[in-house]
C-alpha atoms as a PDB file:
ATOM      1  CA  MET A   1     -37.409  15.401 -67.514  1.00  0.00           C
ATOM      2  CA  ASP A   2     -35.956  18.837 -67.890  1.00  0.00           C
ATOM      3  CA  GLY A   3     -32.298  19.693 -67.586  1.00  0.00           C
ATOM      4  CA  GLU A   4     -29.672  22.387 -67.716  1.00  0.00           C
ATOM      5  CA  ALA A   5     -26.130  22.317 -69.042  1.00  0.00           C
ATOM      6  CA  ALA A   6     -23.605  23.979 -66.739  1.00  0.00           C
ATOM      7  CA  VAL A   7     -19.919  24.649 -66.283  1.00  0.00           C
ATOM      8  CA  LEU A   8     -18.843  25.198 -62.686  1.00  0.00           C
ATOM      9  CA  ASP A   9     -16.379  27.793 -61.459  1.00  0.00           C
ATOM     10  CA  ASP A  10     -13.679  27.054 -58.875  1.00  0.00           C
ATOM     11  CA  LYS A  11     -16.254  27.502 -56.067  1.00  0.00           C
ATOM     12  CA  GLY A  12     -18.711  25.025 -57.597  1.00  0.00           C
ATOM     13  CA  ARG A  13     -21.134  27.665 -58.903  1.00  0.00           C
ATOM     14  CA  SER A  14     -22.692  27.536 -62.356  1.00  0.00           C
ATOM     15  CA  ASP A  15     -21.130  30.153 -64.660  1.00  0.00           C
ATOM     16  CA  PHE A  16     -22.948  30.972 -67.912  1.00  0.00           C
ATOM     17  CA  GLY A  17     -19.944  32.801 -69.383  1.00  0.00           C
ATOM     18  CA  MET A  18     -17.782  29.726 -68.822  1.00  0.00           C
ATOM     19  CA  LEU A  19     -20.462  27.587 -70.465  1.00  0.00           C
ATOM     20  CA  LYS A  20     -20.456  29.826 -73.550  1.00  0.00           C
ATOM     21  CA  ARG A  21     -16.650  29.586 -73.670  1.00  0.00           C
ATOM     22  CA  ALA A  22     -16.775  25.791 -73.312  1.00  0.00           C
ATOM     23  CA  LEU A  23     -19.252  25.624 -76.208  1.00  0.00           C
ATOM     24  CA  GLY A  24     -16.963  27.797 -78.327  1.00  0.00           C
ATOM     25  CA  ARG A  25     -19.282  30.820 -78.345  1.00  0.00           C
ATOM     26  CA  LEU A  26     -16.699  33.117 -76.719  1.00  0.00           C
ATOM     27  CA  PRO A  27     -12.914  33.106 -77.036  1.00  0.00           C
ATOM     28  CA  SER A  28     -11.124  31.785 -73.972  1.00  0.00           C
ATOM     29  CA  PRO A  29      -7.490  31.315 -72.974  1.00  0.00           C
ATOM     30  CA  VAL A  30      -8.608  28.460 -70.708  1.00  0.00           C
ATOM     31  CA  GLU A  31     -10.566  25.515 -72.077  1.00  0.00           C
ATOM     32  CA  SER A  32     -13.092  23.660 -69.985  1.00  0.00           C
ATOM     33  CA  ASP A  33     -13.617  20.033 -70.947  1.00  0.00           C
ATOM     34  CA  VAL A  34     -16.356  19.398 -68.396  1.00  0.00           C
ATOM     35  CA  ILE A  35     -19.932  20.373 -69.172  1.00  0.00           C
ATOM     36  CA  LEU A  36     -22.419  18.994 -66.671  1.00  0.00           C
ATOM     37  CA  CYS A  37     -26.103  18.317 -67.196  1.00  0.00           C
ATOM     38  CA  TYR A  38     -28.339  18.737 -64.158  1.00  0.00           C
ATOM     39  CA  GLY A  39     -31.679  16.946 -64.451  1.00  0.00           C
ATOM     40  CA  PHE A  40     -34.799  18.216 -62.726  1.00  0.00           C
ATOM     41  CA  ASP A  41     -38.586  18.068 -62.972  1.00  0.00           C
ATOM     42  CA  LEU A  42     -38.383  14.276 -63.098  1.00  0.00           C
ATOM     43  CA  LEU A  43     -41.725  12.488 -63.382  1.00  0.00           C
ATOM     44  CA  ILE A  44     -42.212   9.377 -61.270  1.00  0.00           C
ATOM     45  CA  ASP A  45     -44.998   6.826 -61.717  1.00  0.00           C
ATOM     46  CA  CYS A  46     -45.569   5.438 -58.249  1.00  0.00           C
ATOM     47  CA  GLY A  47     -48.634   3.432 -59.318  1.00  0.00           C
ATOM     48  CA  CYS A  48     -50.821   5.246 -56.797  1.00  0.00           C
ATOM     49  CA  GLY A  49     -53.260   6.572 -59.451  1.00  0.00           C
ATOM     50  CA  SER A  50     -53.070  10.245 -58.488  1.00  0.00           C
END
């Protein structure tokens, strides 16, 4: 599994600047308490041998 941490803006788009602020890397007058983790590249064993 691979994943990506994200903070979403008011339109539901991932915003790297907001993520850095939420992690305390940049000063921010507004604090975000929601950091999401999107999982992808999930491996599935279907038992089919391929």
